[in-house]
Amino acid sequence: MYVSPETLDCVLNYLQGHDDAMMGGLLVGFRESLIMRLGTGDNFTWTALVGLVLKAQGVPSDDEQARIEGLFVLLEQYFDERNHFRGLFRMYRRYDRWLSAQNWYKEIEEESDPIVKKPPNN
């Protein structure tokens, strides 16, 4: 991969472009895995969460090379987990359990869910 300048933001933008080109398929579940790692951040994008995780890990914000290397460690761990049998399912299941335990989260009732189609009563 080549980016210029060699900054975390450039690498994140490069990866975001690939993910967008694949309609989100490249990094599906990455955001949720980062939220699980932090235990917070459900209102952030994956790119913002990367910065928060690296900060929590003590990676200096002024060391771009260390930040880029930290991103690739996160990606390697994510792909290792995702590529295991039912890895993506387990990621989302863990995320759903975490989400359901949050006091601010309210599940959508089936009656009000516009996606759930009820058969007509005859």
PDB file of N, CA and C in Angstrom:
ATOM      1  N   MET A   1       0.850  -1.161   0.000  1.00  0.00           N
ATOM      2  CA  MET A   1       0.000   0.000   0.000  1.00  0.00           C
ATOM      3  C   MET A   1       0.900   1.230   0.000  1.00  0.00           C
ATOM      4  N   TYR A   2       0.497   2.219  -0.759  1.00  0.00           N
ATOM      5  CA  TYR A   2       1.242   3.477  -0.782  1.00  0.00           C
ATOM      6  C   TYR A   2       0.287   4.621  -0.500  1.00  0.00           C
ATOM      7  N   VAL A   3       0.625   5.418   0.478  1.00  0.00           N
ATOM      8  CA  VAL A   3      -0.136   6.637   0.774  1.00  0.00           C
ATOM      9  C   VAL A   3       0.858   7.765   0.987  1.00  0.00           C
ATOM     10  N   SER A   4       0.418   8.946   0.679  1.00  0.00           N
ATOM     11  CA  SER A   4       1.266  10.124   0.891  1.00  0.00           C
ATOM     12  C   SER A   4       0.388  11.272   1.328  1.00  0.00           C
ATOM     13  N   PRO A   5       0.712  11.884   2.428  1.00  0.00           N
ATOM     14  CA  PRO A   5       1.803  11.592   3.354  1.00  0.00           C
ATOM     15  C   PRO A   5       1.485  10.341   4.174  1.00  0.00           C
ATOM     16  N   GLU A   6       2.512   9.781   4.777  1.00  0.00           N
ATOM     17  CA  GLU A   6       2.343   8.563   5.565  1.00  0.00           C
ATOM     18  C   GLU A   6       1.810   8.911   6.955  1.00  0.00           C
ATOM     19  N   THR A   7       0.491   9.081   7.011  1.00  0.00           N
ATOM     20  CA  THR A   7      -0.182   9.390   8.273  1.00  0.00           C
ATOM     21  C   THR A   7      -1.304   8.388   8.489  1.00  0.00           C
ATOM     22  N   LEU A   8      -1.724   8.276   9.735  1.00  0.00           N
ATOM     23  CA  LEU A   8      -2.839   7.387  10.048  1.00  0.00           C
ATOM     24  C   LEU A   8      -4.081   7.816   9.283  1.00  0.00           C
ATOM     25  N   ASP A   9      -4.339   9.115   9.203  1.00  0.00           N
ATOM     26  CA  ASP A   9      -5.525   9.595   8.490  1.00  0.00           C
ATOM     27  C   ASP A   9      -5.521   9.174   7.026  1.00  0.00           C
ATOM     28  N   CYS A  10      -4.370   9.244   6.366  1.00  0.00           N
ATOM     29  CA  CYS A  10      -4.286   8.824   4.963  1.00  0.00           C
ATOM     30  C   CYS A  10      -4.545   7.327   4.819  1.00  0.00           C
ATOM     31  N   VAL A  11      -3.997   6.544   5.725  1.00  0.00           N
ATOM     32  CA  VAL A  11      -4.214   5.095   5.671  1.00  0.00           C
ATOM     33  C   VAL A  11      -5.682   4.776   5.932  1.00  0.00           C
ATOM     34  N   LEU A  12      -6.279   5.443   6.901  1.00  0.00           N
ATOM     35  CA  LEU A  12      -7.701   5.227   7.192  1.00  0.00           C
ATOM     36  C   LEU A  12      -8.564   5.593   5.995  1.00  0.00           C
ATOM     37  N   ASN A  13      -8.262   6.707   5.348  1.00  0.00           N
ATOM     38  CA  ASN A  13      -9.021   7.107   4.161  1.00  0.00           C
ATOM     39  C   ASN A  13      -8.857   6.107   3.019  1.00  0.00           C
ATOM     40  N   TYR A  14      -7.647   5.602   2.848  1.00  0.00           N
ATOM     41  CA  TYR A  14      -7.379   4.592   1.831  1.00  0.00           C
ATOM     42  C   TYR A  14      -8.231   3.344   2.086  1.00  0.00           C
ATOM     43  N   LEU A  15      -8.213   2.863   3.335  1.00  0.00           N
ATOM     44  CA  LEU A  15      -8.998   1.678   3.689  1.00  0.00           C
ATOM     45  C   LEU A  15     -10.494   1.942   3.585  1.00  0.00           C
ATOM     46  N   GLN A  16     -10.910   3.134   3.965  1.00  0.00           N
ATOM     47  CA  GLN A  16     -12.334   3.491   3.851  1.00  0.00           C
ATOM     48  C   GLN A  16     -12.780   3.444   2.392  1.00  0.00           C
ATOM     49  N   GLY A  17     -11.917   3.913   1.498  1.00  0.00           N
ATOM     50  CA  GLY A  17     -12.231   3.854   0.075  1.00  0.00           C
ATOM     51  C   GLY A  17     -12.407   2.426  -0.414  1.00  0.00           C
ATOM     52  N   HIS A  18     -11.526   1.530   0.019  1.00  0.00           N
ATOM     53  CA  HIS A  18     -11.668   0.118  -0.361  1.00  0.00           C
ATOM     54  C   HIS A  18     -12.930  -0.479   0.237  1.00  0.00           C
ATOM     55  N   ASP A  19     -13.217  -0.154   1.474  1.00  0.00           N
ATOM     56  CA  ASP A  19     -14.418  -0.669   2.116  1.00  0.00           C
ATOM     57  C   ASP A  19     -15.664  -0.151   1.401  1.00  0.00           C
ATOM     58  N   ASP A  20     -15.670   1.125   1.038  1.00  0.00           N
ATOM     59  CA  ASP A  20     -16.807   1.692   0.303  1.00  0.00           C
ATOM     60  C   ASP A  20     -16.979   1.014  -1.055  1.00  0.00           C
ATOM     61  N   ALA A  21     -15.856   0.772  -1.736  1.00  0.00           N
ATOM     62  CA  ALA A  21     -15.917   0.115  -3.046  1.00  0.00           C
ATOM     63  C   ALA A  21     -16.498  -1.290  -2.937  1.00  0.00           C
ATOM     64  N   MET A  22     -16.331  -1.915  -1.779  1.00  0.00           N
ATOM     65  CA  MET A  22     -16.863  -3.263  -1.559  1.00  0.00           C
ATOM     66  C   MET A  22     -18.189  -3.229  -0.805  1.00  0.00           C
ATOM     67  N   MET A  23     -18.826  -2.052  -0.805  1.00  0.00           N
ATOM     68  CA  MET A  23     -20.126  -1.859  -0.158  1.00  0.00           C
ATOM     69  C   MET A  23     -20.109  -2.270   1.306  1.00  0.00           C
ATOM     70  N   GLY A  24     -18.996  -1.985   1.992  1.00  0.00           N
ATOM     71  CA  GLY A  24     -18.885  -2.277   3.414  1.00  0.00           C
ATOM     72  C   GLY A  24     -18.464  -3.695   3.736  1.00  0.00           C
ATOM     73  N   GLY A  25     -18.243  -4.512   2.723  1.00  0.00           N
ATOM     74  CA  GLY A  25     -17.923  -5.918   2.953  1.00  0.00           C
ATOM     75  C   GLY A  25     -16.519  -6.180   3.459  1.00  0.00           C
ATOM     76  N   LEU A  26     -15.585  -5.313   3.142  1.00  0.00           N
ATOM     77  CA  LEU A  26     -14.211  -5.531   3.557  1.00  0.00           C
ATOM     78  C   LEU A  26     -14.070  -5.502   5.074  1.00  0.00           C
ATOM     79  N   LEU A  27     -14.694  -4.521   5.703  1.00  0.00           N
ATOM     80  CA  LEU A  27     -14.510  -4.315   7.145  1.00  0.00           C
ATOM     81  C   LEU A  27     -15.793  -4.558   7.948  1.00  0.00           C
ATOM     82  N   VAL A  28     -16.687  -5.365   7.411  1.00  0.00           N
ATOM     83  CA  VAL A  28     -17.922  -5.649   8.126  1.00  0.00           C
ATOM     84  C   VAL A  28     -17.582  -6.254   9.493  1.00  0.00           C
ATOM     85  N   GLY A  29     -18.103  -5.650  10.538  1.00  0.00           N
ATOM     86  CA  GLY A  29     -17.861  -6.115  11.901  1.00  0.00           C
ATOM     87  C   GLY A  29     -16.667  -5.468  12.585  1.00  0.00           C
ATOM     88  N   PHE A  30     -15.837  -4.741  11.834  1.00  0.00           N
ATOM     89  CA  PHE A  30     -14.653  -4.119  12.432  1.00  0.00           C
ATOM     90  C   PHE A  30     -15.056  -3.065  13.451  1.00  0.00           C
ATOM     91  N   ARG A  31     -16.030  -2.236  13.098  1.00  0.00           N
ATOM     92  CA  ARG A  31     -16.511  -1.197  14.023  1.00  0.00           C
ATOM     93  C   ARG A  31     -16.990  -1.827  15.324  1.00  0.00           C
ATOM     94  N   GLU A  32     -17.777  -2.871  15.204  1.00  0.00           N
ATOM     95  CA  GLU A  32     -18.324  -3.528  16.385  1.00  0.00           C
ATOM     96  C   GLU A  32     -17.216  -4.168  17.225  1.00  0.00           C
ATOM     97  N   SER A  33     -16.201  -4.712  16.569  1.00  0.00           N
ATOM     98  CA  SER A  33     -15.092  -5.297  17.332  1.00  0.00           C
ATOM     99  C   SER A  33     -14.322  -4.218  18.097  1.00  0.00           C
ATOM    100  N   LEU A  34     -14.216  -3.031  17.512  1.00  0.00           N
ATOM    101  CA  LEU A  34     -13.548  -1.929  18.207  1.00  0.00           C
ATOM    102  C   LEU A  34     -14.380  -1.438  19.393  1.00  0.00           C
ATOM    103  N   ILE A  35     -15.685  -1.406  19.230  1.00  0.00           N
ATOM    104  CA  ILE A  35     -16.573  -1.013  20.330  1.00  0.00           C
ATOM    105  C   ILE A  35     -16.428  -2.003  21.485  1.00  0.00           C
ATOM    106  N   MET A  36     -16.364  -3.288  21.169  1.00  0.00           N
ATOM    107  CA  MET A  36     -16.193  -4.309  22.204  1.00  0.00           C
ATOM    108  C   MET A  36     -14.846  -4.144  22.905  1.00  0.00           C
ATOM    109  N   ARG A  37     -13.835  -3.773  22.160  1.00  0.00           N
ATOM    110  CA  ARG A  37     -12.503  -3.576  22.741  1.00  0.00           C
ATOM    111  C   ARG A  37     -12.519  -2.402  23.719  1.00  0.00           C
ATOM    112  N   LEU A  38     -13.238  -1.333  23.362  1.00  0.00           N
ATOM    113  CA  LEU A  38     -13.299  -0.139  24.208  1.00  0.00           C
ATOM    114  C   LEU A  38     -14.370  -0.215  25.289  1.00  0.00           C
ATOM    115  N   GLY A  39     -15.453  -0.925  25.009  1.00  0.00           N
ATOM    116  CA  GLY A  39     -16.585  -0.950  25.917  1.00  0.00           C
ATOM    117  C   GLY A  39     -17.432   0.301  25.822  1.00  0.00           C
ATOM    118  N   THR A  40     -17.223   1.070  24.764  1.00  0.00           N
ATOM    119  CA  THR A  40     -17.962   2.309  24.522  1.00  0.00           C
ATOM    120  C   THR A  40     -17.744   2.720  23.072  1.00  0.00           C
ATOM    121  N   GLY A  41     -18.396   3.783  22.658  1.00  0.00           N
ATOM    122  CA  GLY A  41     -18.147   4.332  21.333  1.00  0.00           C
ATOM    123  C   GLY A  41     -19.145   3.935  20.278  1.00  0.00           C
ATOM    124  N   ASP A  42     -20.336   3.515  20.681  1.00  0.00           N
ATOM    125  CA  ASP A  42     -21.335   3.072  19.719  1.00  0.00           C
ATOM    126  C   ASP A  42     -21.763   4.195  18.771  1.00  0.00           C
ATOM    127  N   ASN A  43     -21.500   5.423  19.141  1.00  0.00           N
ATOM    128  CA  ASN A  43     -21.897   6.557  18.309  1.00  0.00           C
ATOM    129  C   ASN A  43     -20.765   7.052  17.403  1.00  0.00           C
ATOM    130  N   PHE A  44     -19.675   6.281  17.297  1.00  0.00           N
ATOM    131  CA  PHE A  44     -18.538   6.679  16.477  1.00  0.00           C
ATOM    132  C   PHE A  44     -18.377   5.792  15.252  1.00  0.00           C
ATOM    133  N   THR A  45     -17.723   6.322  14.229  1.00  0.00           N
ATOM    134  CA  THR A  45     -17.362   5.534  13.054  1.00  0.00           C
ATOM    135  C   THR A  45     -16.159   4.664  13.389  1.00  0.00           C
ATOM    136  N   TRP A  46     -15.879   3.693  12.545  1.00  0.00           N
ATOM    137  CA  TRP A  46     -14.727   2.826  12.815  1.00  0.00           C
ATOM    138  C   TRP A  46     -13.431   3.615  12.759  1.00  0.00           C
ATOM    139  N   THR A  47     -13.365   4.625  11.884  1.00  0.00           N
ATOM    140  CA  THR A  47     -12.132   5.409  11.784  1.00  0.00           C
ATOM    141  C   THR A  47     -11.867   6.191  13.069  1.00  0.00           C
ATOM    142  N   ALA A  48     -12.907   6.734  13.672  1.00  0.00           N
ATOM    143  CA  ALA A  48     -12.746   7.450  14.944  1.00  0.00           C
ATOM    144  C   ALA A  48     -12.408   6.470  16.069  1.00  0.00           C
ATOM    145  N   LEU A  49     -13.015   5.291  16.034  1.00  0.00           N
ATOM    146  CA  LEU A  49     -12.759   4.286  17.070  1.00  0.00           C
ATOM    147  C   LEU A  49     -11.312   3.806  17.050  1.00  0.00           C
ATOM    148  N   VAL A  50     -10.727   3.715  15.864  1.00  0.00           N
ATOM    149  CA  VAL A  50      -9.315   3.318  15.775  1.00  0.00           C
ATOM    150  C   VAL A  50      -8.459   4.282  16.590  1.00  0.00           C
ATOM    151  N   GLY A  51      -8.690   5.579  16.411  1.00  0.00           N
ATOM    152  CA  GLY A  51      -7.931   6.570  17.171  1.00  0.00           C
ATOM    153  C   GLY A  51      -8.123   6.431  18.667  1.00  0.00           C
ATOM    154  N   LEU A  52      -9.349   6.148  19.092  1.00  0.00           N
ATOM    155  CA  LEU A  52      -9.632   5.985  20.521  1.00  0.00           C
ATOM    156  C   LEU A  52      -8.959   4.736  21.086  1.00  0.00           C
ATOM    157  N   VAL A  53      -8.977   3.646  20.327  1.00  0.00           N
ATOM    158  CA  VAL A  53      -8.331   2.418  20.781  1.00  0.00           C
ATOM    159  C   VAL A  53      -6.823   2.630  20.897  1.00  0.00           C
ATOM    160  N   LEU A  54      -6.239   3.255  19.892  1.00  0.00           N
ATOM    161  CA  LEU A  54      -4.791   3.490  19.929  1.00  0.00           C
ATOM    162  C   LEU A  54      -4.417   4.391  21.103  1.00  0.00           C
ATOM    163  N   LYS A  55      -5.234   5.390  21.363  1.00  0.00           N
ATOM    164  CA  LYS A  55      -4.987   6.272  22.508  1.00  0.00           C
ATOM    165  C   LYS A  55      -5.081   5.487  23.818  1.00  0.00           C
ATOM    166  N   ALA A  56      -6.090   4.626  23.928  1.00  0.00           N
ATOM    167  CA  ALA A  56      -6.263   3.810  25.131  1.00  0.00           C
ATOM    168  C   ALA A  56      -5.103   2.838  25.317  1.00  0.00           C
ATOM    169  N   GLN A  57      -4.482   2.438  24.221  1.00  0.00           N
ATOM    170  CA  GLN A  57      -3.338   1.530  24.292  1.00  0.00           C
ATOM    171  C   GLN A  57      -2.028   2.267  24.553  1.00  0.00           C
ATOM    172  N   GLY A  58      -2.101   3.584  24.633  1.00  0.00           N
ATOM    173  CA  GLY A  58      -0.913   4.365  24.937  1.00  0.00           C
ATOM    174  C   GLY A  58      -0.029   4.687  23.745  1.00  0.00           C
ATOM    175  N   VAL A  59      -0.565   4.525  22.543  1.00  0.00           N
ATOM    176  CA  VAL A  59       0.210   4.863  21.343  1.00  0.00           C
ATOM    177  C   VAL A  59       0.280   6.390  21.254  1.00  0.00           C
ATOM    178  N   PRO A  60       1.472   6.952  21.155  1.00  0.00           N
ATOM    179  CA  PRO A  60       1.611   8.420  21.118  1.00  0.00           C
ATOM    180  C   PRO A  60       0.914   9.017  19.894  1.00  0.00           C
ATOM    181  N   SER A  61       0.141  10.064  20.117  1.00  0.00           N
ATOM    182  CA  SER A  61      -0.611  10.678  19.017  1.00  0.00           C
ATOM    183  C   SER A  61       0.278  11.405  18.019  1.00  0.00           C
ATOM    184  N   ASP A  62       1.520  11.662  18.385  1.00  0.00           N
ATOM    185  CA  ASP A  62       2.426  12.359  17.470  1.00  0.00           C
ATOM    186  C   ASP A  62       3.366  11.401  16.737  1.00  0.00           C
ATOM    187  N   ASP A  63       3.208  10.097  16.934  1.00  0.00           N
ATOM    188  CA  ASP A  63       4.053   9.101  16.276  1.00  0.00           C
ATOM    189  C   ASP A  63       3.226   8.382  15.206  1.00  0.00           C
ATOM    190  N   GLU A  64       3.229   8.941  13.994  1.00  0.00           N
ATOM    191  CA  GLU A  64       2.391   8.405  12.918  1.00  0.00           C
ATOM    192  C   GLU A  64       2.750   6.963  12.575  1.00  0.00           C
ATOM    193  N   GLN A  65       4.020   6.635  12.577  1.00  0.00           N
ATOM    194  CA  GLN A  65       4.424   5.263  12.250  1.00  0.00           C
ATOM    195  C   GLN A  65       3.875   4.276  13.278  1.00  0.00           C
ATOM    196  N   ALA A  66       3.946   4.625  14.552  1.00  0.00           N
ATOM    197  CA  ALA A  66       3.409   3.750  15.606  1.00  0.00           C
ATOM    198  C   ALA A  66       1.894   3.634  15.488  1.00  0.00           C
ATOM    199  N   ARG A  67       1.241   4.712  15.119  1.00  0.00           N
ATOM    200  CA  ARG A  67      -0.219   4.680  14.955  1.00  0.00           C
ATOM    201  C   ARG A  67      -0.622   3.793  13.782  1.00  0.00           C
ATOM    202  N   ILE A  68       0.123   3.880  12.680  1.00  0.00           N
ATOM    203  CA  ILE A  68      -0.166   3.035  11.516  1.00  0.00           C
ATOM    204  C   ILE A  68       0.078   1.573  11.862  1.00  0.00           C
ATOM    205  N   GLU A  69       1.190   1.297  12.534  1.00  0.00           N
ATOM    206  CA  GLU A  69       1.472  -0.083  12.950  1.00  0.00           C
ATOM    207  C   GLU A  69       0.386  -0.591  13.907  1.00  0.00           C
ATOM    208  N   GLY A  70      -0.076   0.275  14.808  1.00  0.00           N
ATOM    209  CA  GLY A  70      -1.154  -0.102  15.720  1.00  0.00           C
ATOM    210  C   GLY A  70      -2.431  -0.441  14.974  1.00  0.00           C
ATOM    211  N   LEU A  71      -2.746   0.320  13.927  1.00  0.00           N
ATOM    212  CA  LEU A  71      -3.923   0.032  13.100  1.00  0.00           C
ATOM    213  C   LEU A  71      -3.800  -1.346  12.478  1.00  0.00           C
ATOM    214  N   PHE A  72      -2.621  -1.671  11.938  1.00  0.00           N
ATOM    215  CA  PHE A  72      -2.455  -2.968  11.293  1.00  0.00           C
ATOM    216  C   PHE A  72      -2.512  -4.122  12.290  1.00  0.00           C
ATOM    217  N   VAL A  73      -2.097  -3.889  13.509  1.00  0.00           N
ATOM    218  CA  VAL A  73      -2.260  -4.908  14.552  1.00  0.00           C
ATOM    219  C   VAL A  73      -3.752  -5.120  14.814  1.00  0.00           C
ATOM    220  N   LEU A  74      -4.507  -4.037  14.930  1.00  0.00           N
ATOM    221  CA  LEU A  74      -5.956  -4.143  15.139  1.00  0.00           C
ATOM    222  C   LEU A  74      -6.627  -4.887  13.986  1.00  0.00           C
ATOM    223  N   LEU A  75      -6.229  -4.558  12.758  1.00  0.00           N
ATOM    224  CA  LEU A  75      -6.810  -5.220  11.592  1.00  0.00           C
ATOM    225  C   LEU A  75      -6.458  -6.711  11.565  1.00  0.00           C
ATOM    226  N   GLU A  76      -5.213  -7.032  11.905  1.00  0.00           N
ATOM    227  CA  GLU A  76      -4.808  -8.434  11.922  1.00  0.00           C
ATOM    228  C   GLU A  76      -5.608  -9.217  12.959  1.00  0.00           C
ATOM    229  N   GLN A  77      -5.796  -8.656  14.139  1.00  0.00           N
ATOM    230  CA  GLN A  77      -6.581  -9.324  15.178  1.00  0.00           C
ATOM    231  C   GLN A  77      -8.031  -9.491  14.739  1.00  0.00           C
ATOM    232  N   TYR A  78      -8.570  -8.450  14.107  1.00  0.00           N
ATOM    233  CA  TYR A  78      -9.953  -8.499  13.614  1.00  0.00           C
ATOM    234  C   TYR A  78     -10.121  -9.586  12.552  1.00  0.00           C
ATOM    235  N   PHE A  79      -9.229  -9.604  11.548  1.00  0.00           N
ATOM    236  CA  PHE A  79      -9.342 -10.609  10.494  1.00  0.00           C
ATOM    237  C   PHE A  79      -9.122 -12.017  11.033  1.00  0.00           C
ATOM    238  N   ASP A  80      -8.227 -12.178  11.994  1.00  0.00           N
ATOM    239  CA  ASP A  80      -8.028 -13.492  12.616  1.00  0.00           C
ATOM    240  C   ASP A  80      -9.327 -13.979  13.256  1.00  0.00           C
ATOM    241  N   GLU A  81      -9.982 -13.096  13.991  1.00  0.00           N
ATOM    242  CA  GLU A  81     -11.238 -13.475  14.644  1.00  0.00           C
ATOM    243  C   GLU A  81     -12.348 -13.699  13.618  1.00  0.00           C
ATOM    244  N   ARG A  82     -12.458 -12.797  12.662  1.00  0.00           N
ATOM    245  CA  ARG A  82     -13.537 -12.887  11.675  1.00  0.00           C
ATOM    246  C   ARG A  82     -13.413 -14.136  10.811  1.00  0.00           C
ATOM    247  N   ASN A  83     -12.200 -14.554  10.509  1.00  0.00           N
ATOM    248  CA  ASN A  83     -11.998 -15.676   9.598  1.00  0.00           C
ATOM    249  C   ASN A  83     -12.125 -17.040  10.249  1.00  0.00           C
ATOM    250  N   HIS A  84     -12.302 -17.074  11.571  1.00  0.00           N
ATOM    251  CA  HIS A  84     -12.593 -18.343  12.225  1.00  0.00           C
ATOM    252  C   HIS A  84     -14.020 -18.756  11.895  1.00  0.00           C
ATOM    253  N   PHE A  85     -14.293 -20.047  12.062  1.00  0.00           N
ATOM    254  CA  PHE A  85     -15.641 -20.553  11.819  1.00  0.00           C
ATOM    255  C   PHE A  85     -16.659 -19.752  12.631  1.00  0.00           C
ATOM    256  N   ARG A  86     -17.616 -19.187  11.963  1.00  0.00           N
ATOM    257  CA  ARG A  86     -18.684 -18.369  12.555  1.00  0.00           C
ATOM    258  C   ARG A  86     -18.139 -17.150  13.303  1.00  0.00           C
ATOM    259  N   GLY A  87     -16.967 -16.686  12.903  1.00  0.00           N
ATOM    260  CA  GLY A  87     -16.337 -15.563  13.587  1.00  0.00           C
ATOM    261  C   GLY A  87     -17.157 -14.292  13.532  1.00  0.00           C
ATOM    262  N   LEU A  88     -17.670 -13.974  12.352  1.00  0.00           N
ATOM    263  CA  LEU A  88     -18.465 -12.760  12.224  1.00  0.00           C
ATOM    264  C   LEU A  88     -19.758 -12.864  13.030  1.00  0.00           C
ATOM    265  N   PHE A  89     -20.368 -14.033  13.007  1.00  0.00           N
ATOM    266  CA  PHE A  89     -21.573 -14.263  13.803  1.00  0.00           C
ATOM    267  C   PHE A  89     -21.290 -14.029  15.284  1.00  0.00           C
ATOM    268  N   ARG A  90     -20.157 -14.582  15.769  1.00  0.00           N
ATOM    269  CA  ARG A  90     -19.805 -14.417  17.183  1.00  0.00           C
ATOM    270  C   ARG A  90     -19.529 -12.959  17.524  1.00  0.00           C
ATOM    271  N   MET A  91     -18.892 -12.232  16.593  1.00  0.00           N
ATOM    272  CA  MET A  91     -18.631 -10.806  16.831  1.00  0.00           C
ATOM    273  C   MET A  91     -19.931 -10.044  17.032  1.00  0.00           C
ATOM    274  N   TYR A  92     -20.870 -10.270  16.116  1.00  0.00           N
ATOM    275  CA  TYR A  92     -22.143  -9.556  16.204  1.00  0.00           C
ATOM    276  C   TYR A  92     -22.976 -10.024  17.390  1.00  0.00           C
ATOM    277  N   ARG A  93     -22.869 -11.274  17.742  1.00  0.00           N
ATOM    278  CA  ARG A  93     -23.599 -11.775  18.915  1.00  0.00           C
ATOM    279  C   ARG A  93     -23.082 -11.111  20.193  1.00  0.00           C
ATOM    280  N   ARG A  94     -21.751 -11.025  20.304  1.00  0.00           N
ATOM    281  CA  ARG A  94     -21.147 -10.356  21.468  1.00  0.00           C
ATOM    282  C   ARG A  94     -21.534  -8.877  21.495  1.00  0.00           C
ATOM    283  N   TYR A  95     -21.526  -8.258  20.335  1.00  0.00           N
ATOM    284  CA  TYR A  95     -21.918  -6.844  20.245  1.00  0.00           C
ATOM    285  C   TYR A  95     -23.388  -6.674  20.638  1.00  0.00           C
ATOM    286  N   ASP A  96     -24.253  -7.552  20.175  1.00  0.00           N
ATOM    287  CA  ASP A  96     -25.677  -7.468  20.511  1.00  0.00           C
ATOM    288  C   ASP A  96     -25.906  -7.621  22.004  1.00  0.00           C
ATOM    289  N   ARG A  97     -25.172  -8.528  22.637  1.00  0.00           N
ATOM    290  CA  ARG A  97     -25.291  -8.689  24.092  1.00  0.00           C
ATOM    291  C   ARG A  97     -24.842  -7.433  24.823  1.00  0.00           C
ATOM    292  N   TRP A  98     -23.722  -6.859  24.357  1.00  0.00           N
ATOM    293  CA  TRP A  98     -23.227  -5.619  24.965  1.00  0.00           C
ATOM    294  C   TRP A  98     -24.252  -4.504  24.779  1.00  0.00           C
ATOM    295  N   LEU A  99     -24.767  -4.371  23.575  1.00  0.00           N
ATOM    296  CA  LEU A  99     -25.724  -3.314  23.262  1.00  0.00           C
ATOM    297  C   LEU A  99     -26.983  -3.451  24.114  1.00  0.00           C
ATOM    298  N   SER A 100     -27.485  -4.671  24.235  1.00  0.00           N
ATOM    299  CA  SER A 100     -28.701  -4.909  25.031  1.00  0.00           C
ATOM    300  C   SER A 100     -28.504  -4.595  26.506  1.00  0.00           C
ATOM    301  N   ALA A 101     -27.274  -4.649  26.985  1.00  0.00           N
ATOM    302  CA  ALA A 101     -26.989  -4.372  28.397  1.00  0.00           C
ATOM    303  C   ALA A 101     -26.855  -2.878  28.688  1.00  0.00           C
ATOM    304  N   GLN A 102     -26.840  -2.046  27.662  1.00  0.00           N
ATOM    305  CA  GLN A 102     -26.690  -0.605  27.866  1.00  0.00           C
ATOM    306  C   GLN A 102     -28.019   0.003  28.312  1.00  0.00           C
ATOM    307  N   ASN A 103     -27.975   0.849  29.324  1.00  0.00           N
ATOM    308  CA  ASN A 103     -29.224   1.420  29.852  1.00  0.00           C
ATOM    309  C   ASN A 103     -29.866   2.413  28.885  1.00  0.00           C
ATOM    310  N   TRP A 104     -29.128   2.920  27.925  1.00  0.00           N
ATOM    311  CA  TRP A 104     -29.667   3.873  26.956  1.00  0.00           C
ATOM    312  C   TRP A 104     -30.261   3.189  25.735  1.00  0.00           C
ATOM    313  N   TYR A 105     -30.039   1.885  25.610  1.00  0.00           N
ATOM    314  CA  TYR A 105     -30.487   1.162  24.415  1.00  0.00           C
ATOM    315  C   TYR A 105     -31.900   0.649  24.604  1.00  0.00           C
ATOM    316  N   LYS A 106     -32.729   0.862  23.600  1.00  0.00           N
ATOM    317  CA  LYS A 106     -34.091   0.344  23.621  1.00  0.00           C
ATOM    318  C   LYS A 106     -34.324  -0.407  22.322  1.00  0.00           C
ATOM    319  N   GLU A 107     -34.649  -1.682  22.450  1.00  0.00           N
ATOM    320  CA  GLU A 107     -34.900  -2.476  21.255  1.00  0.00           C
ATOM    321  C   GLU A 107     -36.196  -2.027  20.598  1.00  0.00           C
ATOM    322  N   ILE A 108     -36.241  -2.172  19.289  1.00  0.00           N
ATOM    323  CA  ILE A 108     -37.445  -1.842  18.530  1.00  0.00           C
ATOM    324  C   ILE A 108     -38.441  -2.981  18.705  1.00  0.00           C
ATOM    325  N   GLU A 109     -39.640  -2.618  19.044  1.00  0.00           N
ATOM    326  CA  GLU A 109     -40.694  -3.621  19.170  1.00  0.00           C
ATOM    327  C   GLU A 109     -41.078  -4.092  17.775  1.00  0.00           C
ATOM    328  N   GLU A 110     -41.386  -5.377  17.650  1.00  0.00           N
ATOM    329  CA  GLU A 110     -41.732  -5.917  16.340  1.00  0.00           C
ATOM    330  C   GLU A 110     -42.913  -5.190  15.716  1.00  0.00           C
ATOM    331  N   GLU A 111     -43.870  -4.765  16.533  1.00  0.00           N
ATOM    332  CA  GLU A 111     -45.046  -4.101  15.987  1.00  0.00           C
ATOM    333  C   GLU A 111     -44.691  -2.771  15.319  1.00  0.00           C
ATOM    334  N   SER A 112     -43.675  -2.101  15.828  1.00  0.00           N
ATOM    335  CA  SER A 112     -43.314  -0.796  15.275  1.00  0.00           C
ATOM    336  C   SER A 112     -42.140  -0.875  14.302  1.00  0.00           C
ATOM    337  N   ASP A 113     -41.601  -2.074  14.096  1.00  0.00           N
ATOM    338  CA  ASP A 113     -40.459  -2.240  13.200  1.00  0.00           C
ATOM    339  C   ASP A 113     -40.947  -2.248  11.756  1.00  0.00           C
ATOM    340  N   PRO A 114     -40.541  -1.253  10.948  1.00  0.00           N
ATOM    341  CA  PRO A 114     -41.026  -1.182   9.567  1.00  0.00           C
ATOM    342  C   PRO A 114     -40.484  -2.300   8.690  1.00  0.00           C
ATOM    343  N   ILE A 115     -39.455  -2.999   9.144  1.00  0.00           N
ATOM    344  CA  ILE A 115     -38.874  -4.079   8.333  1.00  0.00           C
ATOM    345  C   ILE A 115     -39.664  -5.355   8.497  1.00  0.00           C
ATOM    346  N   VAL A 116     -40.203  -5.583   9.682  1.00  0.00           N
ATOM    347  CA  VAL A 116     -40.952  -6.804   9.942  1.00  0.00           C
ATOM    348  C   VAL A 116     -42.350  -6.667   9.332  1.00  0.00           C
ATOM    349  N   LYS A 117     -42.642  -7.513   8.385  1.00  0.00           N
ATOM    350  CA  LYS A 117     -43.956  -7.496   7.730  1.00  0.00           C
ATOM    351  C   LYS A 117     -44.846  -8.528   8.391  1.00  0.00           C
ATOM    352  N   LYS A 118     -45.988  -8.076   8.825  1.00  0.00           N
ATOM    353  CA  LYS A 118     -46.958  -8.976   9.431  1.00  0.00           C
ATOM    354  C   LYS A 118     -47.901  -9.498   8.354  1.00  0.00           C
ATOM    355  N   PRO A 119     -48.242 -10.780   8.440  1.00  0.00           N
ATOM    356  CA  PRO A 119     -49.233 -11.290   7.464  1.00  0.00           C
ATOM    357  C   PRO A 119     -50.593 -10.639   7.746  1.00  0.00           C
ATOM    358  N   PRO A 120     -51.352 -10.391   6.698  1.00  0.00           N
ATOM    359  CA  PRO A 120     -52.675  -9.765   6.916  1.00  0.00           C
ATOM    360  C   PRO A 120     -53.603 -10.720   7.664  1.00  0.00           C
ATOM    361  N   ASN A 121     -54.412 -10.102   8.547  1.00  0.00           N
ATOM    362  CA  ASN A 121     -55.416 -10.883   9.286  1.00  0.00           C
ATOM    363  C   ASN A 121     -56.617 -11.123   8.399  1.00  0.00           C
ATOM    364  N   ASN A 122     -57.014 -12.368   8.245  1.00  0.00           N
ATOM    365  CA  ASN A 122     -58.203 -12.701   7.437  1.00  0.00           C
ATOM    366  C   ASN A 122     -59.283 -13.268   8.290  1.00  0.00           C
TER     367      ASN A 122
END
